[in-house]
PDB file of N, CA and C in Angstrom:
ATOM      1  N   MET A   1      54.512  43.116 210.757  1.00  0.00           N
ATOM      2  CA  MET A   1      54.837  44.279 211.571  1.00  0.00           C
ATOM      3  C   MET A   1      54.644  43.936 213.043  1.00  0.00           C
ATOM      4  N   ARG A   2      55.444  44.566 213.832  1.00  0.00           N
ATOM      5  CA  ARG A   2      55.376  44.365 215.280  1.00  0.00           C
ATOM      6  C   ARG A   2      54.868  45.640 215.937  1.00  0.00           C
ATOM      7  N   TYR A   3      53.643  45.583 216.471  1.00  0.00           N
ATOM      8  CA  TYR A   3      53.050  46.727 217.147  1.00  0.00           C
ATOM      9  C   TYR A   3      53.244  46.615 218.653  1.00  0.00           C
ATOM     10  N   VAL A   4      53.459  47.756 219.283  1.00  0.00           N
ATOM     11  CA  VAL A   4      53.533  47.833 220.739  1.00  0.00           C
ATOM     12  C   VAL A   4      52.692  49.020 221.184  1.00  0.00           C
ATOM     13  N   GLY A   5      51.750  48.751 222.080  1.00  0.00           N
ATOM     14  CA  GLY A   5      50.961  49.811 222.692  1.00  0.00           C
ATOM     15  C   GLY A   5      51.545  50.109 224.061  1.00  0.00           C
ATOM     16  N   ILE A   6      51.733  51.373 224.359  1.00  0.00           N
ATOM     17  CA  ILE A   6      52.326  51.763 225.639  1.00  0.00           C
ATOM     18  C   ILE A   6      51.307  52.593 226.419  1.00  0.00           C
ATOM     19  N   TYR A   7      50.950  52.064 227.585  1.00  0.00           N
ATOM     20  CA  TYR A   7      49.994  52.737 228.459  1.00  0.00           C
ATOM     21  C   TYR A   7      50.617  53.944 229.151  1.00  0.00           C
ATOM     22  N   ASN A   8      49.793  54.894 229.494  1.00  0.00           N
ATOM     23  CA  ASN A   8      50.213  56.045 230.292  1.00  0.00           C
ATOM     24  C   ASN A   8      50.031  55.707 231.774  1.00  0.00           C
ATOM     25  N   ALA A   9      50.653  54.608 232.189  1.00  0.00           N
ATOM     26  CA  ALA A   9      50.557  54.130 233.567  1.00  0.00           C
ATOM     27  C   ALA A   9      51.716  53.165 233.813  1.00  0.00           C
ATOM     28  N   ASP A  10      52.108  53.034 235.058  1.00  0.00           N
ATOM     29  CA  ASP A  10      53.145  52.082 235.432  1.00  0.00           C
ATOM     30  C   ASP A  10      52.511  50.755 235.794  1.00  0.00           C
ATOM     31  N   GLY A  11      53.205  49.669 235.529  1.00  0.00           N
ATOM     32  CA  GLY A  11      52.688  48.336 235.750  1.00  0.00           C
ATOM     33  C   GLY A  11      52.969  47.759 237.129  1.00  0.00           C
ATOM     34  N   THR A  12      53.381  48.573 238.064  1.00  0.00           N
ATOM     35  CA  THR A  12      53.603  48.097 239.428  1.00  0.00           C
ATOM     36  C   THR A  12      52.293  48.165 240.202  1.00  0.00           C
ATOM     37  N   MET A  13      52.254  47.531 241.366  1.00  0.00           N
ATOM     38  CA  MET A  13      51.050  47.616 242.206  1.00  0.00           C
ATOM     39  C   MET A  13      50.761  49.073 242.568  1.00  0.00           C
ATOM     40  N   LEU A  14      51.794  49.801 242.955  1.00  0.00           N
ATOM     41  CA  LEU A  14      51.624  51.211 243.302  1.00  0.00           C
ATOM     42  C   LEU A  14      51.189  52.016 242.074  1.00  0.00           C
ATOM     43  N   GLY A  15      51.778  51.709 240.923  1.00  0.00           N
ATOM     44  CA  GLY A  15      51.404  52.404 239.691  1.00  0.00           C
ATOM     45  C   GLY A  15      49.954  52.163 239.317  1.00  0.00           C
ATOM     46  N   GLU A  16      49.521  50.928 239.450  1.00  0.00           N
ATOM     47  CA  GLU A  16      48.122  50.591 239.155  1.00  0.00           C
ATOM     48  C   GLU A  16      47.181  51.311 240.125  1.00  0.00           C
ATOM     49  N   LEU A  17      47.548  51.327 241.391  1.00  0.00           N
ATOM     50  CA  LEU A  17      46.741  52.010 242.402  1.00  0.00           C
ATOM     51  C   LEU A  17      46.651  53.510 242.107  1.00  0.00           C
ATOM     52  N   ARG A  18      47.792  54.117 241.766  1.00  0.00           N
ATOM     53  CA  ARG A  18      47.804  55.547 241.416  1.00  0.00           C
ATOM     54  C   ARG A  18      46.891  55.819 240.224  1.00  0.00           C
ATOM     55  N   TYR A  19      46.952  54.933 239.239  1.00  0.00           N
ATOM     56  CA  TYR A  19      46.129  55.127 238.048  1.00  0.00           C
ATOM     57  C   TYR A  19      44.642  55.046 238.398  1.00  0.00           C
ATOM     58  N   VAL A  20      44.258  54.032 239.159  1.00  0.00           N
ATOM     59  CA  VAL A  20      42.850  53.866 239.522  1.00  0.00           C
ATOM     60  C   VAL A  20      42.347  55.068 240.322  1.00  0.00           C
ATOM     61  N   VAL A  21      43.124  55.499 241.297  1.00  0.00           N
ATOM     62  CA  VAL A  21      42.726  56.661 242.107  1.00  0.00           C
ATOM     63  C   VAL A  21      42.639  57.907 241.223  1.00  0.00           C
ATOM     64  N   GLY A  22      43.625  58.110 240.363  1.00  0.00           N
ATOM     65  CA  GLY A  22      43.608  59.255 239.457  1.00  0.00           C
ATOM     66  C   GLY A  22      42.447  59.211 238.493  1.00  0.00           C
ATOM     67  N   LYS A  23      42.117  58.025 238.008  1.00  0.00           N
ATOM     68  CA  LYS A  23      40.991  57.872 237.089  1.00  0.00           C
ATOM     69  C   LYS A  23      39.681  58.229 237.804  1.00  0.00           C
ATOM     70  N   LEU A  24      39.533  57.747 239.039  1.00  0.00           N
ATOM     71  CA  LEU A  24      38.321  58.055 239.807  1.00  0.00           C
ATOM     72  C   LEU A  24      38.207  59.542 240.121  1.00  0.00           C
ATOM     73  N   ARG A  25      39.324  60.192 240.363  1.00  0.00           N
ATOM     74  CA  ARG A  25      39.333  61.635 240.650  1.00  0.00           C
ATOM     75  C   ARG A  25      39.245  62.484 239.394  1.00  0.00           C
ATOM     76  N   GLY A  26      39.488  61.877 238.247  1.00  0.00           N
ATOM     77  CA  GLY A  26      39.472  62.626 236.999  1.00  0.00           C
ATOM     78  C   GLY A  26      40.775  63.363 236.726  1.00  0.00           C
ATOM     79  N   THR A  27      41.847  62.960 237.394  1.00  0.00           N
ATOM     80  CA  THR A  27      43.138  63.621 237.211  1.00  0.00           C
ATOM     81  C   THR A  27      44.098  62.815 236.342  1.00  0.00           C
ATOM     82  N   THR A  28      43.731  61.599 236.001  1.00  0.00           N
ATOM     83  CA  THR A  28      44.577  60.723 235.190  1.00  0.00           C
ATOM     84  C   THR A  28      43.714  60.049 234.136  1.00  0.00           C
ATOM     85  N   SER A  29      44.282  59.848 232.968  1.00  0.00           N
ATOM     86  CA  SER A  29      43.558  59.111 231.935  1.00  0.00           C
ATOM     87  C   SER A  29      44.547  58.377 231.045  1.00  0.00           C
ATOM     88  N   CYS A  30      44.054  57.366 230.381  1.00  0.00           N
ATOM     89  CA  CYS A  30      44.839  56.631 229.396  1.00  0.00           C
ATOM     90  C   CYS A  30      43.855  56.069 228.381  1.00  0.00           C
ATOM     91  N   SER A  31      43.810  56.670 227.204  1.00  0.00           N
ATOM     92  CA  SER A  31      42.860  56.240 226.187  1.00  0.00           C
ATOM     93  C   SER A  31      43.156  54.832 225.684  1.00  0.00           C
ATOM     94  N   LEU A  32      44.400  54.376 225.774  1.00  0.00           N
ATOM     95  CA  LEU A  32      44.716  52.999 225.406  1.00  0.00           C
ATOM     96  C   LEU A  32      44.105  52.030 226.422  1.00  0.00           C
ATOM     97  N   CYS A  33      44.168  52.389 227.704  1.00  0.00           N
ATOM     98  CA  CYS A  33      43.512  51.574 228.743  1.00  0.00           C
ATOM     99  C   CYS A  33      42.014  51.473 228.461  1.00  0.00           C
ATOM    100  N   ASP A  34      41.405  52.563 228.045  1.00  0.00           N
ATOM    101  CA  ASP A  34      39.969  52.572 227.762  1.00  0.00           C
ATOM    102  C   ASP A  34      39.624  51.621 226.611  1.00  0.00           C
ATOM    103  N   ILE A  35      40.536  51.457 225.675  1.00  0.00           N
ATOM    104  CA  ILE A  35      40.327  50.572 224.529  1.00  0.00           C
ATOM    105  C   ILE A  35      40.545  49.109 224.912  1.00  0.00           C
ATOM    106  N   THR A  36      41.528  48.834 225.749  1.00  0.00           N
ATOM    107  CA  THR A  36      41.917  47.449 226.034  1.00  0.00           C
ATOM    108  C   THR A  36      41.325  46.873 227.314  1.00  0.00           C
ATOM    109  N   HIS A  37      40.818  47.734 228.200  1.00  0.00           N
ATOM    110  CA  HIS A  37      40.327  47.260 229.494  1.00  0.00           C
ATOM    111  C   HIS A  37      38.941  47.805 229.805  1.00  0.00           C
ATOM    112  N   GLY A  38      38.176  46.980 230.502  1.00  0.00           N
ATOM    113  CA  GLY A  38      36.908  47.416 231.059  1.00  0.00           C
ATOM    114  C   GLY A  38      37.197  48.028 232.419  1.00  0.00           C
ATOM    115  N   LYS A  39      36.214  48.021 233.280  1.00  0.00           N
ATOM    116  CA  LYS A  39      36.397  48.608 234.608  1.00  0.00           C
ATOM    117  C   LYS A  39      37.412  47.838 235.442  1.00  0.00           C
ATOM    118  N   VAL A  40      37.459  46.518 235.253  1.00  0.00           N
ATOM    119  CA  VAL A  40      38.338  45.703 236.082  1.00  0.00           C
ATOM    120  C   VAL A  40      39.264  44.802 235.255  1.00  0.00           C
ATOM    121  N   ARG A  41      38.781  44.298 234.151  1.00  0.00           N
ATOM    122  CA  ARG A  41      39.511  43.286 233.392  1.00  0.00           C
ATOM    123  C   ARG A  41      39.791  43.720 231.966  1.00  0.00           C
ATOM    124  N   PRO A  42      40.708  42.984 231.316  1.00  0.00           N
ATOM    125  CA  PRO A  42      40.904  43.215 229.885  1.00  0.00           C
ATOM    126  C   PRO A  42      39.607  42.950 229.118  1.00  0.00           C
ATOM    127  N   ARG A  43      39.423  43.713 228.047  1.00  0.00           N
ATOM    128  CA  ARG A  43      38.209  43.584 227.235  1.00  0.00           C
ATOM    129  C   ARG A  43      38.369  42.463 226.211  1.00  0.00           C
ATOM    130  N   LYS A  44      37.436  41.543 226.219  1.00  0.00           N
ATOM    131  CA  LYS A  44      37.461  40.435 225.267  1.00  0.00           C
ATOM    132  C   LYS A  44      37.296  40.936 223.839  1.00  0.00           C
ATOM    133  N   ASP A  45      36.498  42.005 223.671  1.00  0.00           N
ATOM    134  CA  ASP A  45      36.275  42.513 222.312  1.00  0.00           C
ATOM    135  C   ASP A  45      37.535  43.118 221.710  1.00  0.00           C
ATOM    136  N   PHE A  46      38.455  43.615 222.545  1.00  0.00           N
ATOM    137  CA  PHE A  46      39.723  44.114 222.025  1.00  0.00           C
ATOM    138  C   PHE A  46      40.528  42.958 221.436  1.00  0.00           C
ATOM    139  N   PHE A  47      40.672  41.888 222.199  1.00  0.00           N
ATOM    140  CA  PHE A  47      41.458  40.745 221.736  1.00  0.00           C
ATOM    141  C   PHE A  47      40.790  40.049 220.555  1.00  0.00           C
ATOM    142  N   ALA A  48      39.464  40.026 220.544  1.00  0.00           N
ATOM    143  CA  ALA A  48      38.732  39.447 219.414  1.00  0.00           C
ATOM    144  C   ALA A  48      38.948  40.275 218.151  1.00  0.00           C
ATOM    145  N   ALA A  49      38.919  41.588 218.269  1.00  0.00           N
ATOM    146  CA  ALA A  49      39.133  42.466 217.104  1.00  0.00           C
ATOM    147  C   ALA A  49      40.538  42.292 216.547  1.00  0.00           C
ATOM    148  N   CYS A  50      41.517  42.184 217.427  1.00  0.00           N
ATOM    149  CA  CYS A  50      42.902  41.964 216.986  1.00  0.00           C
ATOM    150  C   CYS A  50      43.030  40.626 216.269  1.00  0.00           C
ATOM    151  N   ALA A  51      42.449  39.584 216.843  1.00  0.00           N
ATOM    152  CA  ALA A  51      42.525  38.249 216.250  1.00  0.00           C
ATOM    153  C   ALA A  51      41.840  38.214 214.891  1.00  0.00           C
ATOM    154  N   GLU A  52      40.672  38.830 214.800  1.00  0.00           N
ATOM    155  CA  GLU A  52      39.929  38.849 213.540  1.00  0.00           C
ATOM    156  C   GLU A  52      40.712  39.561 212.444  1.00  0.00           C
ATOM    157  N   ALA A  53      41.411  40.619 212.806  1.00  0.00           N
ATOM    158  CA  ALA A  53      42.193  41.390 211.831  1.00  0.00           C
ATOM    159  C   ALA A  53      43.603  40.836 211.642  1.00  0.00           C
ATOM    160  N   ALA A  54      43.950  39.809 212.398  1.00  0.00           N
ATOM    161  CA  ALA A  54      45.297  39.215 212.366  1.00  0.00           C
ATOM    162  C   ALA A  54      46.362  40.265 212.677  1.00  0.00           C
ATOM    163  N   ILE A  55      46.063  41.104 213.672  1.00  0.00           N
ATOM    164  CA  ILE A  55      46.998  42.128 214.126  1.00  0.00           C
ATOM    165  C   ILE A  55      47.403  41.795 215.555  1.00  0.00           C
ATOM    166  N   GLU A  56      48.704  41.693 215.767  1.00  0.00           N
ATOM    167  CA  GLU A  56      49.220  41.386 217.092  1.00  0.00           C
ATOM    168  C   GLU A  56      49.774  42.667 217.714  1.00  0.00           C
ATOM    169  N   ILE A  57      49.287  42.982 218.908  1.00  0.00           N
ATOM    170  CA  ILE A  57      49.725  44.184 219.619  1.00  0.00           C
ATOM    171  C   ILE A  57      50.234  43.772 220.990  1.00  0.00           C
ATOM    172  N   GLU A  58      51.502  44.023 221.240  1.00  0.00           N
ATOM    173  CA  GLU A  58      52.064  43.798 222.565  1.00  0.00           C
ATOM    174  C   GLU A  58      51.733  45.026 223.404  1.00  0.00           C
ATOM    175  N   LEU A  59      51.230  44.821 224.599  1.00  0.00           N
ATOM    176  CA  LEU A  59      50.844  45.934 225.464  1.00  0.00           C
ATOM    177  C   LEU A  59      51.826  46.053 226.623  1.00  0.00           C
ATOM    178  N   LEU A  60      52.360  47.262 226.797  1.00  0.00           N
ATOM    179  CA  LEU A  60      53.337  47.527 227.851  1.00  0.00           C
ATOM    180  C   LEU A  60      52.920  48.737 228.672  1.00  0.00           C
ATOM    181  N   HIS A  61      53.257  48.717 229.939  1.00  0.00           N
ATOM    182  CA  HIS A  61      53.150  49.914 230.767  1.00  0.00           C
ATOM    183  C   HIS A  61      54.404  50.744 230.532  1.00  0.00           C
ATOM    184  N   ARG A  62      54.343  52.023 230.832  1.00  0.00           N
ATOM    185  CA  ARG A  62      55.485  52.900 230.523  1.00  0.00           C
ATOM    186  C   ARG A  62      56.764  52.451 231.220  1.00  0.00           C
ATOM    187  N   ASN A  63      56.674  51.867 232.420  1.00  0.00           N
ATOM    188  CA  ASN A  63      57.883  51.411 233.108  1.00  0.00           C
ATOM    189  C   ASN A  63      58.418  50.099 232.530  1.00  0.00           C
ATOM    190  N   GLU A  64      57.677  49.454 231.655  1.00  0.00           N
ATOM    191  CA  GLU A  64      58.114  48.213 231.010  1.00  0.00           C
ATOM    192  C   GLU A  64      58.704  48.470 229.623  1.00  0.00           C
ATOM    193  N   ALA A  65      58.470  49.651 229.089  1.00  0.00           N
ATOM    194  CA  ALA A  65      58.932  50.006 227.746  1.00  0.00           C
ATOM    195  C   ALA A  65      60.420  50.356 227.769  1.00  0.00           C
ATOM    196  N   THR A  66      61.082  50.104 226.656  1.00  0.00           N
ATOM    197  CA  THR A  66      62.493  50.461 226.538  1.00  0.00           C
ATOM    198  C   THR A  66      62.631  51.952 226.223  1.00  0.00           C
ATOM    199  N   SER A  67      63.831  52.451 226.327  1.00  0.00           N
ATOM    200  CA  SER A  67      64.073  53.857 225.988  1.00  0.00           C
ATOM    201  C   SER A  67      63.782  54.109 224.509  1.00  0.00           C
ATOM    202  N   GLU A  68      64.032  53.120 223.659  1.00  0.00           N
ATOM    203  CA  GLU A  68      63.727  53.266 222.228  1.00  0.00           C
ATOM    204  C   GLU A  68      62.218  53.343 222.002  1.00  0.00           C
ATOM    205  N   HIS A  69      61.467  52.515 222.731  1.00  0.00           N
ATOM    206  CA  HIS A  69      60.007  52.569 222.640  1.00  0.00           C
ATOM    207  C   HIS A  69      59.502  53.958 223.028  1.00  0.00           C
ATOM    208  N   LEU A  70      59.970  54.428 224.172  1.00  0.00           N
ATOM    209  CA  LEU A  70      59.494  55.713 224.699  1.00  0.00           C
ATOM    210  C   LEU A  70      59.874  56.880 223.792  1.00  0.00           C
ATOM    211  N   ALA A  71      61.054  56.824 223.219  1.00  0.00           N
ATOM    212  CA  ALA A  71      61.481  57.894 222.300  1.00  0.00           C
ATOM    213  C   ALA A  71      60.581  57.931 221.065  1.00  0.00           C
ATOM    214  N   ALA A  72      60.235  56.775 220.540  1.00  0.00           N
ATOM    215  CA  ALA A  72      59.363  56.718 219.357  1.00  0.00           C
ATOM    216  C   ALA A  72      57.940  57.137 219.700  1.00  0.00           C
ATOM    217  N   ALA A  73      57.489  56.781 220.893  1.00  0.00           N
ATOM    218  CA  ALA A  73      56.101  57.046 221.291  1.00  0.00           C
ATOM    219  C   ALA A  73      55.828  58.519 221.526  1.00  0.00           C
ATOM    220  N   GLY A  74      56.753  59.207 222.167  1.00  0.00           N
ATOM    221  CA  GLY A  74      56.486  60.597 222.535  1.00  0.00           C
ATOM    222  C   GLY A  74      55.508  60.647 223.687  1.00  0.00           C
ATOM    223  N   VAL A  75      54.464  61.444 223.551  1.00  0.00           N
ATOM    224  CA  VAL A  75      53.447  61.580 224.607  1.00  0.00           C
ATOM    225  C   VAL A  75      52.654  60.278 224.697  1.00  0.00           C
ATOM    226  N   LEU A  76      52.477  59.785 225.911  1.00  0.00           N
ATOM    227  CA  LEU A  76      51.748  58.535 226.130  1.00  0.00           C
ATOM    228  C   LEU A  76      50.293  58.810 226.468  1.00  0.00           C
ATOM    229  N   PRO A  77      49.440  57.866 226.116  1.00  0.00           N
ATOM    230  CA  PRO A  77      49.686  56.570 225.511  1.00  0.00           C
ATOM    231  C   PRO A  77      49.972  56.711 224.017  1.00  0.00           C
ATOM    232  N   ALA A  78      50.497  55.645 223.456  1.00  0.00           N
ATOM    233  CA  ALA A  78      50.803  55.644 222.028  1.00  0.00           C
ATOM    234  C   ALA A  78      50.893  54.208 221.533  1.00  0.00           C
ATOM    235  N   LEU A  79      50.783  54.057 220.227  1.00  0.00           N
ATOM    236  CA  LEU A  79      50.985  52.772 219.588  1.00  0.00           C
ATOM    237  C   LEU A  79      52.125  52.956 218.599  1.00  0.00           C
ATOM    238  N   ILE A  80      53.145  52.119 218.742  1.00  0.00           N
ATOM    239  CA  ILE A  80      54.322  52.224 217.884  1.00  0.00           C
ATOM    240  C   ILE A  80      54.481  50.935 217.083  1.00  0.00           C
ATOM    241  N   VAL A  81      55.289  51.001 216.047  1.00  0.00           N
ATOM    242  CA  VAL A  81      55.536  49.829 215.211  1.00  0.00           C
ATOM    243  C   VAL A  81      57.024  49.749 214.914  1.00  0.00           C
ATOM    244  N   GLU A  82      57.506  48.522 214.795  1.00  0.00           N
ATOM    245  CA  GLU A  82      58.900  48.301 214.422  1.00  0.00           C
ATOM    246  C   GLU A  82      58.940  47.891 212.961  1.00  0.00           C
ATOM    247  N   GLU A  83      59.696  48.655 212.193  1.00  0.00           N
ATOM    248  CA  GLU A  83      59.899  48.355 210.779  1.00  0.00           C
ATOM    249  C   GLU A  83      61.380  48.460 210.482  1.00  0.00           C
ATOM    250  N   GLU A  84      61.933  47.361 210.011  1.00  0.00           N
ATOM    251  CA  GLU A  84      63.354  47.312 209.660  1.00  0.00           C
ATOM    252  C   GLU A  84      64.239  47.759 210.812  1.00  0.00           C
ATOM    253  N   GLY A  85      63.893  47.333 212.021  1.00  0.00           N
ATOM    254  CA  GLY A  85      64.714  47.618 213.196  1.00  0.00           C
ATOM    255  C   GLY A  85      64.555  49.002 213.781  1.00  0.00           C
ATOM    256  N   THR A  86      63.617  49.783 213.250  1.00  0.00           N
ATOM    257  CA  THR A  86      63.398  51.143 213.744  1.00  0.00           C
ATOM    258  C   THR A  86      61.956  51.268 214.236  1.00  0.00           C
ATOM    259  N   TRP A  87      61.802  51.917 215.378  1.00  0.00           N
ATOM    260  CA  TRP A  87      60.474  52.150 215.946  1.00  0.00           C
ATOM    261  C   TRP A  87      59.950  53.507 215.504  1.00  0.00           C
ATOM    262  N   ARG A  88      58.647  53.555 215.187  1.00  0.00           N
ATOM    263  CA  ARG A  88      57.989  54.827 214.878  1.00  0.00           C
ATOM    264  C   ARG A  88      56.573  54.794 215.418  1.00  0.00           C
ATOM    265  N   CYS A  89      56.048  55.963 215.727  1.00  0.00           N
ATOM    266  CA  CYS A  89      54.704  56.086 216.272  1.00  0.00           C
ATOM    267  C   CYS A  89      53.691  56.013 215.128  1.00  0.00           C
ATOM    268  N   VAL A  90      52.671  55.168 215.298  1.00  0.00           N
ATOM    269  CA  VAL A  90      51.606  55.074 214.285  1.00  0.00           C
ATOM    270  C   VAL A  90      50.284  55.640 214.795  1.00  0.00           C
ATOM    271  N   LEU A  91      50.067  55.605 216.112  1.00  0.00           N
ATOM    272  CA  LEU A  91      48.879  56.228 216.690  1.00  0.00           C
ATOM    273  C   LEU A  91      49.306  57.008 217.929  1.00  0.00           C
ATOM    274  N   THR A  92      49.083  58.299 217.888  1.00  0.00           N
ATOM    275  CA  THR A  92      49.456  59.183 218.989  1.00  0.00           C
ATOM    276  C   THR A  92      48.391  59.141 220.083  1.00  0.00           C
ATOM    277  N   ALA A  93      48.671  59.833 221.166  1.00  0.00           N
ATOM    278  CA  ALA A  93      47.702  59.931 222.263  1.00  0.00           C
ATOM    279  C   ALA A  93      46.374  60.501 221.761  1.00  0.00           C
ATOM    280  N   SER A  94      46.426  61.519 220.927  1.00  0.00           N
ATOM    281  CA  SER A  94      45.177  62.105 220.418  1.00  0.00           C
ATOM    282  C   SER A  94      44.465  61.159 219.447  1.00  0.00           C
ATOM    283  N   ASP A  95      45.219  60.397 218.657  1.00  0.00           N
ATOM    284  CA  ASP A  95      44.609  59.388 217.778  1.00  0.00           C
ATOM    285  C   ASP A  95      43.862  58.344 218.603  1.00  0.00           C
ATOM    286  N   LEU A  96      44.488  57.897 219.681  1.00  0.00           N
ATOM    287  CA  LEU A  96      43.863  56.901 220.549  1.00  0.00           C
ATOM    288  C   LEU A  96      42.634  57.478 221.243  1.00  0.00           C
ATOM    289  N   GLU A  97      42.709  58.727 221.626  1.00  0.00           N
ATOM    290  CA  GLU A  97      41.561  59.405 222.253  1.00  0.00           C
ATOM    291  C   GLU A  97      40.370  59.437 221.286  1.00  0.00           C
ATOM    292  N   GLU A  98      40.648  59.669 220.007  1.00  0.00           N
ATOM    293  CA  GLU A  98      39.596  59.724 218.996  1.00  0.00           C
ATOM    294  C   GLU A  98      38.919  58.370 218.790  1.00  0.00           C
ATOM    295  N   CYS A  99      39.560  57.284 219.204  1.00  0.00           N
ATOM    296  CA  CYS A  99      38.939  55.957 219.108  1.00  0.00           C
ATOM    297  C   CYS A  99      37.817  55.798 220.122  1.00  0.00           C
ATOM    298  N   ALA A 100      37.732  56.682 221.097  1.00  0.00           N
ATOM    299  CA  ALA A 100      36.647  56.726 222.088  1.00  0.00           C
ATOM    300  C   ALA A 100      36.411  55.377 222.772  1.00  0.00           C
ATOM    301  N   GLY A 101      37.507  54.685 223.090  1.00  0.00           N
ATOM    302  CA  GLY A 101      37.387  53.417 223.794  1.00  0.00           C
ATOM    303  C   GLY A 101      36.922  52.247 222.945  1.00  0.00           C
ATOM    304  N   ASN A 102      36.863  52.429 221.639  1.00  0.00           N
ATOM    305  CA  ASN A 102      36.329  51.420 220.731  1.00  0.00           C
ATOM    306  C   ASN A 102      37.463  50.627 220.067  1.00  0.00           C
ATOM    307  N   PRO A 103      37.597  49.331 220.396  1.00  0.00           N
ATOM    308  CA  PRO A 103      38.655  48.525 219.789  1.00  0.00           C
ATOM    309  C   PRO A 103      38.568  48.465 218.267  1.00  0.00           C
ATOM    310  N   ALA A 104      37.363  48.417 217.725  1.00  0.00           N
ATOM    311  CA  ALA A 104      37.204  48.358 216.265  1.00  0.00           C
ATOM    312  C   ALA A 104      37.768  49.610 215.600  1.00  0.00           C
ATOM    313  N   GLN A 105      37.626  50.763 216.253  1.00  0.00           N
ATOM    314  CA  GLN A 105      38.182  52.006 215.707  1.00  0.00           C
ATOM    315  C   GLN A 105      39.706  51.943 215.654  1.00  0.00           C
ATOM    316  N   LEU A 106      40.314  51.390 216.695  1.00  0.00           N
ATOM    317  CA  LEU A 106      41.774  51.254 216.720  1.00  0.00           C
ATOM    318  C   LEU A 106      42.228  50.365 215.569  1.00  0.00           C
ATOM    319  N   ILE A 107      41.583  49.222 215.396  1.00  0.00           N
ATOM    320  CA  ILE A 107      41.948  48.303 214.321  1.00  0.00           C
ATOM    321  C   ILE A 107      41.744  48.958 212.962  1.00  0.00           C
ATOM    322  N   SER A 108      40.647  49.676 212.792  1.00  0.00           N
ATOM    323  CA  SER A 108      40.375  50.372 211.538  1.00  0.00           C
ATOM    324  C   SER A 108      41.481  51.372 211.209  1.00  0.00           C
ATOM    325  N   ARG A 109      41.938  52.106 212.208  1.00  0.00           N
ATOM    326  CA  ARG A 109      43.012  53.085 211.991  1.00  0.00           C
ATOM    327  C   ARG A 109      44.325  52.394 211.611  1.00  0.00           C
ATOM    328  N   LEU A 110      44.585  51.244 212.203  1.00  0.00           N
ATOM    329  CA  LEU A 110      45.810  50.517 211.857  1.00  0.00           C
ATOM    330  C   LEU A 110      45.753  49.955 210.440  1.00  0.00           C
ATOM    331  N   GLN A 111      44.579  49.570 210.000  1.00  0.00           N
ATOM    332  CA  GLN A 111      44.435  49.010 208.671  1.00  0.00           C
ATOM    333  C   GLN A 111      44.384  50.062 207.573  1.00  0.00           C
ATOM    334  N   ALA A 112      44.137  51.311 207.948  1.00  0.00           N
ATOM    335  CA  ALA A 112      44.026  52.389 206.948  1.00  0.00           C
ATOM    336  C   ALA A 112      45.388  52.749 206.372  1.00  0.00           C
TER     337      ALA A 112
END
């Protein structure tokens, strides 16, 4: 299976700046970012959990996602999967929020 996680943020310099400022003000959030990133860098425990479970997740910002990705995802952030050429959402924004920033919780939900 091919998983794609889509952040609720744009991957441009301006988009990253907007996200950081919004996060500091409490006006912006992305539960997928909380799972995959620490305060400044990607979280090693996220990549370790994926490797241990043999689950590959491509991570995209919303401006990097295709229209098909975004249609399947719905409200961002989201985790989608491609099966037989069709994309579908497997973890919604609220599902990701329930992971509470814990990479192991995300992997557990994917394996369930």
